[in-house]
Amino acid sequence: MIRRLGFILFVFLPLALAACSSANNDSDDSATANGVDPALASALQQQIMVDPSLSQQSQGDTVRPPAQPVTGGVPADGVAATGDIKDGDLMHAPAPTAADKSCKQCAAARESTTLGGLAARSPDSKTAGCAANLQYAAGWASRLPADPPLYPQARVSEAAGTEGGQCALRVVSFSSPRPMATMIDWYYTKAVRGGYTAEHQVDGDEHILGGTRDRDGGAYVLFMTARADGGTDIDLVANNGQ
């Protein structure tokens, strides 16, 4: 009996183990086929850990516009000083003389409707002669002579110029956030230090500052009126542009 039992175990035990192994393999294959990975299933079923201190760094709103502009914005108009000349270094322009019928610049400002018309009525013959060839483009504002230059905080509304032959005329219309008294002193300082004469006249609400320079035939004239917001509207005519 014992020998028969041993014979049975000897014959059938390998077959039973083989069947178990096949069943296990079938079970594993079935799990893989069904896409169920025990390790993955365990990880997915666990609670997700969140660090509250990092939750605000998810950038979940990156497709939305920012709540406020990036830092480094443009300062307000009145923040800056007067460009490359400090207020304390400004020379004071002489008090204006009342314009009379001999003030050709005053008449030009009153009667001209374009920058070309303003330049054409300049008392400087060289400037007036070149005015007929004026071309309008914003780029002319960057080609003014070194003296008098465009004010650093200028907001250009219109510009024109000429090129070729003896003509290097520049005409620019712009506004400044600075009051008219400061602008008159600023341009007076620039003109005098640049070797120009500087005559200051007033015609109603408009102030005119103009002059010439003998060494190169340079000439300029500025027409200034006060703005309601405290700034200044300025028309600048100058030859010998860059």
C-alpha atoms as a PDB file:
ATOM      1  CA  MET A   1       0.000   0.000   0.000  1.00  0.00           C
ATOM      2  CA  ILE A   2       2.786   2.364   0.913  1.00  0.00           C
ATOM      3  CA  ARG A   3       4.659   1.524  -2.215  1.00  0.00           C
ATOM      4  CA  ARG A   4       1.502   2.101  -4.284  1.00  0.00           C
ATOM      5  CA  LEU A   5       0.996   5.515  -2.623  1.00  0.00           C
ATOM      6  CA  GLY A   6       4.551   6.402  -3.347  1.00  0.00           C
ATOM      7  CA  PHE A   7       4.085   5.317  -6.927  1.00  0.00           C
ATOM      8  CA  ILE A   8       0.986   7.481  -7.245  1.00  0.00           C
ATOM      9  CA  LEU A   9       2.792  10.511  -5.772  1.00  0.00           C
ATOM     10  CA  PHE A  10       5.768   9.889  -7.983  1.00  0.00           C
ATOM     11  CA  VAL A  11       3.628   9.829 -11.117  1.00  0.00           C
ATOM     12  CA  PHE A  12       0.939  12.411 -10.413  1.00  0.00           C
ATOM     13  CA  LEU A  13       2.734  15.031  -8.257  1.00  0.00           C
ATOM     14  CA  PRO A  14       4.744  16.531 -11.187  1.00  0.00           C
ATOM     15  CA  LEU A  15       1.535  16.670 -13.202  1.00  0.00           C
ATOM     16  CA  ALA A  16      -0.236  18.568 -10.414  1.00  0.00           C
ATOM     17  CA  LEU A  17       2.629  21.036 -10.023  1.00  0.00           C
ATOM     18  CA  ALA A  18       2.672  21.615 -13.768  1.00  0.00           C
ATOM     19  CA  ALA A  19      -1.052  22.317 -13.698  1.00  0.00           C
ATOM     20  CA  CYS A  20      -0.627  24.820 -10.856  1.00  0.00           C
ATOM     21  CA  SER A  21       2.163  26.547 -12.706  1.00  0.00           C
ATOM     22  CA  SER A  22      -0.011  26.757 -15.805  1.00  0.00           C
ATOM     23  CA  ALA A  23      -2.876  28.167 -13.781  1.00  0.00           C
ATOM     24  CA  ASN A  24      -0.630  30.821 -12.253  1.00  0.00           C
ATOM     25  CA  ASN A  25       0.690  31.766 -15.675  1.00  0.00           C
ATOM     26  CA  ASP A  26      -2.827  31.970 -17.033  1.00  0.00           C
ATOM     27  CA  SER A  27      -3.778  34.187 -14.108  1.00  0.00           C
ATOM     28  CA  ASP A  28      -0.793  36.491 -14.693  1.00  0.00           C
ATOM     29  CA  ASP A  29      -1.454  36.612 -18.420  1.00  0.00           C
ATOM     30  CA  SER A  30      -5.092  37.385 -17.777  1.00  0.00           C
ATOM     31  CA  ALA A  31      -4.173  40.221 -15.395  1.00  0.00           C
ATOM     32  CA  THR A  32      -1.731  41.655 -17.898  1.00  0.00           C
ATOM     33  CA  ALA A  33      -4.199  41.284 -20.722  1.00  0.00           C
ATOM     34  CA  ASN A  34      -6.830  43.119 -18.711  1.00  0.00           C
ATOM     35  CA  GLY A  35      -4.363  45.925 -18.033  1.00  0.00           C
ATOM     36  CA  VAL A  36      -4.395  45.504 -14.242  1.00  0.00           C
ATOM     37  CA  ASP A  37      -0.975  45.953 -12.725  1.00  0.00           C
ATOM     38  CA  PRO A  38      -1.172  45.316  -8.971  1.00  0.00           C
ATOM     39  CA  ALA A  39       1.563  47.843  -8.179  1.00  0.00           C
ATOM     40  CA  LEU A  40      -0.066  50.483 -10.390  1.00  0.00           C
ATOM     41  CA  ALA A  41      -3.516  49.769  -8.992  1.00  0.00           C
ATOM     42  CA  SER A  42      -2.192  50.117  -5.453  1.00  0.00           C
ATOM     43  CA  ALA A  43      -0.533  53.452  -6.273  1.00  0.00           C
ATOM     44  CA  LEU A  44      -3.663  54.845  -7.928  1.00  0.00           C
ATOM     45  CA  GLN A  45      -5.906  53.840  -5.040  1.00  0.00           C
ATOM     46  CA  GLN A  46      -3.759  55.556  -2.433  1.00  0.00           C
ATOM     47  CA  GLN A  47      -4.468  59.150  -1.335  1.00  0.00           C
ATOM     48  CA  ILE A  48      -2.423  61.778  -3.210  1.00  0.00           C
ATOM     49  CA  MET A  49      -0.153  63.810  -0.943  1.00  0.00           C
ATOM     50  CA  VAL A  50      -0.212  67.604  -1.469  1.00  0.00           C
ATOM     51  CA  ASP A  51       2.156  70.157   0.005  1.00  0.00           C
ATOM     52  CA  PRO A  52       0.038  73.284   0.760  1.00  0.00           C
ATOM     53  CA  SER A  53       3.108  75.511   0.590  1.00  0.00           C
ATOM     54  CA  LEU A  54       3.652  74.527  -3.055  1.00  0.00           C
ATOM     55  CA  SER A  55       0.037  74.532  -4.229  1.00  0.00           C
ATOM     56  CA  GLN A  56       0.227  78.183  -5.312  1.00  0.00           C
ATOM     57  CA  GLN A  57       3.118  77.441  -7.646  1.00  0.00           C
ATOM     58  CA  SER A  58       1.172  75.220 -10.001  1.00  0.00           C
ATOM     59  CA  GLN A  59       0.678  78.073 -12.478  1.00  0.00           C
ATOM     60  CA  GLY A  60      -2.808  76.851 -13.213  1.00  0.00           C
ATOM     61  CA  ASP A  61      -3.758  80.267 -14.531  1.00  0.00           C
ATOM     62  CA  THR A  62      -0.920  80.628 -17.011  1.00  0.00           C
ATOM     63  CA  VAL A  63      -3.318  80.914 -19.964  1.00  0.00           C
ATOM     64  CA  ARG A  64      -4.970  83.919 -18.355  1.00  0.00           C
ATOM     65  CA  PRO A  65      -3.589  87.453 -18.600  1.00  0.00           C
ATOM     66  CA  PRO A  66      -1.674  88.648 -15.519  1.00  0.00           C
ATOM     67  CA  ALA A  67      -3.565  90.557 -12.859  1.00  0.00           C
ATOM     68  CA  GLN A  68      -1.152  93.472 -13.239  1.00  0.00           C
ATOM     69  CA  PRO A  69       1.629  94.526 -15.616  1.00  0.00           C
ATOM     70  CA  VAL A  70       5.160  93.291 -15.192  1.00  0.00           C
ATOM     71  CA  THR A  71       7.230  95.640 -13.072  1.00  0.00           C
ATOM     72  CA  GLY A  72       9.384  98.268 -14.748  1.00  0.00           C
ATOM     73  CA  GLY A  73       6.653 100.469 -16.185  1.00  0.00           C
ATOM     74  CA  VAL A  74       7.140 103.915 -17.661  1.00  0.00           C
ATOM     75  CA  PRO A  75       7.315 106.629 -14.970  1.00  0.00           C
ATOM     76  CA  ALA A  76       4.806 109.419 -14.852  1.00  0.00           C
ATOM     77  CA  ASP A  77       5.434 112.449 -17.039  1.00  0.00           C
ATOM     78  CA  GLY A  78       6.467 114.763 -14.247  1.00  0.00           C
ATOM     79  CA  VAL A  79       8.881 112.383 -12.537  1.00  0.00           C
ATOM     80  CA  ALA A  80      11.979 112.979 -14.635  1.00  0.00           C
ATOM     81  CA  ALA A  81      13.986 116.154 -14.484  1.00  0.00           C
ATOM     82  CA  THR A  82      14.754 118.259 -17.539  1.00  0.00           C
ATOM     83  CA  GLY A  83      16.750 115.707 -19.488  1.00  0.00           C
ATOM     84  CA  ASP A  84      20.515 116.250 -19.505  1.00  0.00           C
ATOM     85  CA  ILE A  85      20.247 119.642 -17.767  1.00  0.00           C
ATOM     86  CA  LYS A  86      19.202 119.741 -14.127  1.00  0.00           C
ATOM     87  CA  ASP A  87      16.715 122.371 -13.064  1.00  0.00           C
ATOM     88  CA  GLY A  88      19.325 124.127 -10.978  1.00  0.00           C
ATOM     89  CA  ASP A  89      21.674 124.425 -13.962  1.00  0.00           C
ATOM     90  CA  LEU A  90      19.170 126.105 -16.272  1.00  0.00           C
ATOM     91  CA  MET A  91      19.904 129.603 -17.470  1.00  0.00           C
ATOM     92  CA  HIS A  92      16.953 131.979 -17.247  1.00  0.00           C
ATOM     93  CA  ALA A  93      15.714 133.370 -20.524  1.00  0.00           C
ATOM     94  CA  PRO A  94      15.231 137.146 -20.580  1.00  0.00           C
ATOM     95  CA  ALA A  95      11.717 138.445 -20.130  1.00  0.00           C
ATOM     96  CA  PRO A  96       9.863 138.413 -23.453  1.00  0.00           C
ATOM     97  CA  THR A  97       9.411 141.536 -25.479  1.00  0.00           C
ATOM     98  CA  ALA A  98       5.957 142.184 -26.865  1.00  0.00           C
ATOM     99  CA  ALA A  99       5.775 141.189 -30.494  1.00  0.00           C
ATOM    100  CA  ASP A 100       5.069 143.935 -32.999  1.00  0.00           C
ATOM    101  CA  LYS A 101       4.380 143.982 -36.731  1.00  0.00           C
ATOM    102  CA  SER A 102       8.036 143.301 -37.425  1.00  0.00           C
ATOM    103  CA  CYS A 103       7.826 139.866 -35.779  1.00  0.00           C
ATOM    104  CA  LYS A 104       7.728 137.625 -38.845  1.00  0.00           C
ATOM    105  CA  GLN A 105       7.822 134.474 -36.713  1.00  0.00           C
ATOM    106  CA  CYS A 106       4.674 135.609 -34.887  1.00  0.00           C
ATOM    107  CA  ALA A 107       2.819 136.171 -38.125  1.00  0.00           C
ATOM    108  CA  ALA A 108       3.992 132.789 -39.433  1.00  0.00           C
ATOM    109  CA  ALA A 109       2.682 131.026 -36.338  1.00  0.00           C
ATOM    110  CA  ARG A 110      -0.696 132.725 -36.572  1.00  0.00           C
ATOM    111  CA  GLU A 111      -1.224 132.200 -40.292  1.00  0.00           C
ATOM    112  CA  SER A 112       0.403 128.841 -41.022  1.00  0.00           C
ATOM    113  CA  THR A 113      -1.660 125.663 -40.884  1.00  0.00           C
ATOM    114  CA  THR A 114       1.125 123.173 -41.709  1.00  0.00           C
ATOM    115  CA  LEU A 115       4.726 122.647 -40.721  1.00  0.00           C
ATOM    116  CA  GLY A 116       5.721 123.443 -44.280  1.00  0.00           C
ATOM    117  CA  GLY A 117       3.907 126.748 -44.138  1.00  0.00           C
ATOM    118  CA  LEU A 118       5.573 127.542 -40.845  1.00  0.00           C
ATOM    119  CA  ALA A 119       9.033 126.864 -42.264  1.00  0.00           C
ATOM    120  CA  ALA A 120       8.327 128.756 -45.477  1.00  0.00           C
ATOM    121  CA  ARG A 121       7.669 131.945 -43.515  1.00  0.00           C
ATOM    122  CA  SER A 122      10.898 131.763 -41.542  1.00  0.00           C
ATOM    123  CA  PRO A 123      12.922 135.006 -41.538  1.00  0.00           C
ATOM    124  CA  ASP A 124      15.990 132.889 -42.332  1.00  0.00           C
ATOM    125  CA  SER A 125      16.225 132.767 -46.128  1.00  0.00           C
ATOM    126  CA  LYS A 126      17.998 129.408 -46.145  1.00  0.00           C
ATOM    127  CA  THR A 127      15.227 127.830 -44.091  1.00  0.00           C
ATOM    128  CA  ALA A 128      12.447 129.431 -46.115  1.00  0.00           C
ATOM    129  CA  GLY A 129      14.026 128.381 -49.396  1.00  0.00           C
ATOM    130  CA  CYS A 130      14.179 124.728 -48.398  1.00  0.00           C
ATOM    131  CA  ALA A 131      10.600 124.539 -47.095  1.00  0.00           C
ATOM    132  CA  ALA A 132       9.108 123.745 -50.508  1.00  0.00           C
ATOM    133  CA  ASN A 133      10.827 120.336 -50.503  1.00  0.00           C
ATOM    134  CA  LEU A 134       9.645 119.185 -47.064  1.00  0.00           C
ATOM    135  CA  GLN A 135       8.787 115.513 -46.702  1.00  0.00           C
ATOM    136  CA  TYR A 136       6.633 114.359 -43.798  1.00  0.00           C
ATOM    137  CA  ALA A 137       7.731 111.358 -41.724  1.00  0.00           C
ATOM    138  CA  ALA A 138       8.163 110.708 -38.003  1.00  0.00           C
ATOM    139  CA  GLY A 139      11.821 109.767 -38.523  1.00  0.00           C
ATOM    140  CA  TRP A 140      12.818 113.378 -39.148  1.00  0.00           C
ATOM    141  CA  ALA A 141      12.318 114.057 -35.432  1.00  0.00           C
ATOM    142  CA  SER A 142      15.426 111.986 -34.695  1.00  0.00           C
ATOM    143  CA  ARG A 143      17.531 113.981 -37.158  1.00  0.00           C
ATOM    144  CA  LEU A 144      17.428 117.411 -35.560  1.00  0.00           C
ATOM    145  CA  PRO A 145      20.735 119.237 -35.114  1.00  0.00           C
ATOM    146  CA  ALA A 146      22.591 118.677 -31.876  1.00  0.00           C
ATOM    147  CA  ASP A 147      21.571 122.203 -30.878  1.00  0.00           C
ATOM    148  CA  PRO A 148      18.729 122.767 -30.459  1.00  0.00           C
ATOM    149  CA  PRO A 149      17.738 119.103 -29.964  1.00  0.00           C
ATOM    150  CA  LEU A 150      14.425 117.425 -29.350  1.00  0.00           C
ATOM    151  CA  TYR A 151      13.472 117.609 -25.677  1.00  0.00           C
ATOM    152  CA  PRO A 152      14.099 114.209 -23.981  1.00  0.00           C
ATOM    153  CA  GLN A 153      10.493 113.800 -22.816  1.00  0.00           C
ATOM    154  CA  ALA A 154       8.959 115.017 -26.075  1.00  0.00           C
ATOM    155  CA  ARG A 155       5.872 113.392 -27.526  1.00  0.00           C
ATOM    156  CA  VAL A 156       6.108 113.945 -31.249  1.00  0.00           C
ATOM    157  CA  SER A 157       2.857 114.491 -33.139  1.00  0.00           C
ATOM    158  CA  GLU A 158       4.288 115.424 -36.555  1.00  0.00           C
ATOM    159  CA  ALA A 159       7.682 115.845 -38.208  1.00  0.00           C
ATOM    160  CA  ALA A 160       9.067 116.829 -41.582  1.00  0.00           C
ATOM    161  CA  GLY A 161      12.450 117.439 -43.172  1.00  0.00           C
ATOM    162  CA  THR A 162      14.474 117.897 -46.331  1.00  0.00           C
ATOM    163  CA  GLU A 163      17.674 116.372 -47.604  1.00  0.00           C
ATOM    164  CA  GLY A 164      19.949 117.221 -50.492  1.00  0.00           C
ATOM    165  CA  GLY A 165      22.011 120.155 -51.624  1.00  0.00           C
ATOM    166  CA  GLN A 166      22.216 122.919 -49.057  1.00  0.00           C
ATOM    167  CA  CYS A 167      18.930 121.891 -47.406  1.00  0.00           C
ATOM    168  CA  ALA A 168      18.905 120.085 -44.084  1.00  0.00           C
ATOM    169  CA  LEU A 169      15.688 121.568 -42.718  1.00  0.00           C
ATOM    170  CA  ARG A 170      13.896 119.941 -39.792  1.00  0.00           C
ATOM    171  CA  VAL A 171      10.437 120.842 -38.497  1.00  0.00           C
ATOM    172  CA  VAL A 172       8.894 119.019 -35.522  1.00  0.00           C
ATOM    173  CA  SER A 173       5.641 119.494 -33.647  1.00  0.00           C
ATOM    174  CA  PHE A 174       5.619 117.943 -30.170  1.00  0.00           C
ATOM    175  CA  SER A 175       4.413 118.330 -26.597  1.00  0.00           C
ATOM    176  CA  SER A 176       6.235 118.266 -23.279  1.00  0.00           C
ATOM    177  CA  PRO A 177       4.890 117.482 -19.801  1.00  0.00           C
ATOM    178  CA  ARG A 178       6.953 120.370 -18.405  1.00  0.00           C
ATOM    179  CA  PRO A 179       5.516 123.878 -17.951  1.00  0.00           C
ATOM    180  CA  MET A 180       6.255 126.496 -20.583  1.00  0.00           C
ATOM    181  CA  ALA A 181       8.532 128.581 -18.326  1.00  0.00           C
ATOM    182  CA  THR A 182      10.792 125.560 -17.841  1.00  0.00           C
ATOM    183  CA  MET A 183      10.807 124.743 -21.540  1.00  0.00           C
ATOM    184  CA  ILE A 184      11.753 128.309 -22.475  1.00  0.00           C
ATOM    185  CA  ASP A 185      14.655 128.232 -20.021  1.00  0.00           C
ATOM    186  CA  TRP A 186      15.733 124.756 -21.200  1.00  0.00           C
ATOM    187  CA  TYR A 187      15.881 125.736 -24.860  1.00  0.00           C
ATOM    188  CA  TYR A 188      17.407 129.104 -24.060  1.00  0.00           C
ATOM    189  CA  THR A 189      20.195 127.300 -22.164  1.00  0.00           C
ATOM    190  CA  LYS A 190      20.741 124.875 -25.047  1.00  0.00           C
ATOM    191  CA  ALA A 191      20.829 127.668 -27.627  1.00  0.00           C
ATOM    192  CA  VAL A 192      23.234 129.942 -25.779  1.00  0.00           C
ATOM    193  CA  ARG A 193      25.605 127.129 -24.852  1.00  0.00           C
ATOM    194  CA  GLY A 194      25.482 125.955 -28.461  1.00  0.00           C
ATOM    195  CA  GLY A 195      26.664 129.353 -29.709  1.00  0.00           C
ATOM    196  CA  TYR A 196      23.294 130.694 -30.913  1.00  0.00           C
ATOM    197  CA  THR A 197      21.681 134.015 -30.203  1.00  0.00           C
ATOM    198  CA  ALA A 198      18.343 133.786 -28.429  1.00  0.00           C
ATOM    199  CA  GLU A 199      15.554 136.351 -28.731  1.00  0.00           C
ATOM    200  CA  HIS A 200      12.432 135.858 -26.638  1.00  0.00           C
ATOM    201  CA  GLN A 201       9.126 137.370 -27.783  1.00  0.00           C
ATOM    202  CA  VAL A 202       5.485 136.911 -26.825  1.00  0.00           C
ATOM    203  CA  ASP A 203       2.455 137.201 -29.067  1.00  0.00           C
ATOM    204  CA  GLY A 204      -0.727 136.749 -27.043  1.00  0.00           C
ATOM    205  CA  ASP A 205      -0.508 133.319 -25.399  1.00  0.00           C
ATOM    206  CA  GLU A 206       2.332 132.168 -27.635  1.00  0.00           C
ATOM    207  CA  HIS A 207       6.013 132.556 -26.819  1.00  0.00           C
ATOM    208  CA  ILE A 208       8.643 132.598 -29.553  1.00  0.00           C
ATOM    209  CA  LEU A 209      12.305 131.842 -28.999  1.00  0.00           C
ATOM    210  CA  GLY A 210      14.663 132.079 -31.958  1.00  0.00           C
ATOM    211  CA  GLY A 211      18.200 132.837 -33.014  1.00  0.00           C
ATOM    212  CA  THR A 212      21.098 132.264 -35.388  1.00  0.00           C
ATOM    213  CA  ARG A 213      24.730 131.119 -35.301  1.00  0.00           C
ATOM    214  CA  ASP A 214      27.287 132.842 -37.473  1.00  0.00           C
ATOM    215  CA  ARG A 215      29.926 130.144 -37.723  1.00  0.00           C
ATOM    216  CA  ASP A 216      27.754 127.751 -39.770  1.00  0.00           C
ATOM    217  CA  GLY A 217      24.679 129.748 -40.689  1.00  0.00           C
ATOM    218  CA  GLY A 218      22.569 127.801 -38.231  1.00  0.00           C
ATOM    219  CA  ALA A 219      19.103 129.096 -37.375  1.00  0.00           C
ATOM    220  CA  TYR A 220      16.198 127.941 -35.208  1.00  0.00           C
ATOM    221  CA  VAL A 221      12.850 129.156 -33.938  1.00  0.00           C
ATOM    222  CA  LEU A 222      10.495 127.646 -31.355  1.00  0.00           C
ATOM    223  CA  PHE A 223       6.804 128.414 -30.909  1.00  0.00           C
ATOM    224  CA  MET A 224       5.438 127.490 -27.477  1.00  0.00           C
ATOM    225  CA  THR A 225       1.956 127.543 -25.989  1.00  0.00           C
ATOM    226  CA  ALA A 226       0.834 126.333 -22.574  1.00  0.00           C
ATOM    227  CA  ARG A 227      -1.367 123.247 -22.345  1.00  0.00           C
ATOM    228  CA  ALA A 228      -4.384 122.910 -20.062  1.00  0.00           C
ATOM    229  CA  ASP A 229      -2.694 119.963 -18.300  1.00  0.00           C
ATOM    230  CA  GLY A 230       0.329 122.082 -17.334  1.00  0.00           C
ATOM    231  CA  GLY A 231       2.564 120.946 -20.161  1.00  0.00           C
ATOM    232  CA  THR A 232       3.668 122.757 -23.317  1.00  0.00           C
ATOM    233  CA  ASP A 233       2.944 122.410 -27.030  1.00  0.00           C
ATOM    234  CA  ILE A 234       5.993 123.244 -29.155  1.00  0.00           C
ATOM    235  CA  ASP A 235       6.771 123.682 -32.843  1.00  0.00           C
ATOM    236  CA  LEU A 236      10.503 123.642 -33.603  1.00  0.00           C
ATOM    237  CA  VAL A 237      12.045 124.749 -36.901  1.00  0.00           C
ATOM    238  CA  ALA A 238      15.816 124.355 -37.409  1.00  0.00           C
ATOM    239  CA  ASN A 239      18.276 124.031 -40.263  1.00  0.00           C
ATOM    240  CA  ASN A 240      21.586 122.139 -40.313  1.00  0.00           C
ATOM    241  CA  GLY A 241      19.891 118.905 -39.308  1.00  0.00           C
ATOM    242  CA  GLN A 242      21.719 115.603 -39.115  1.00  0.00           C
END
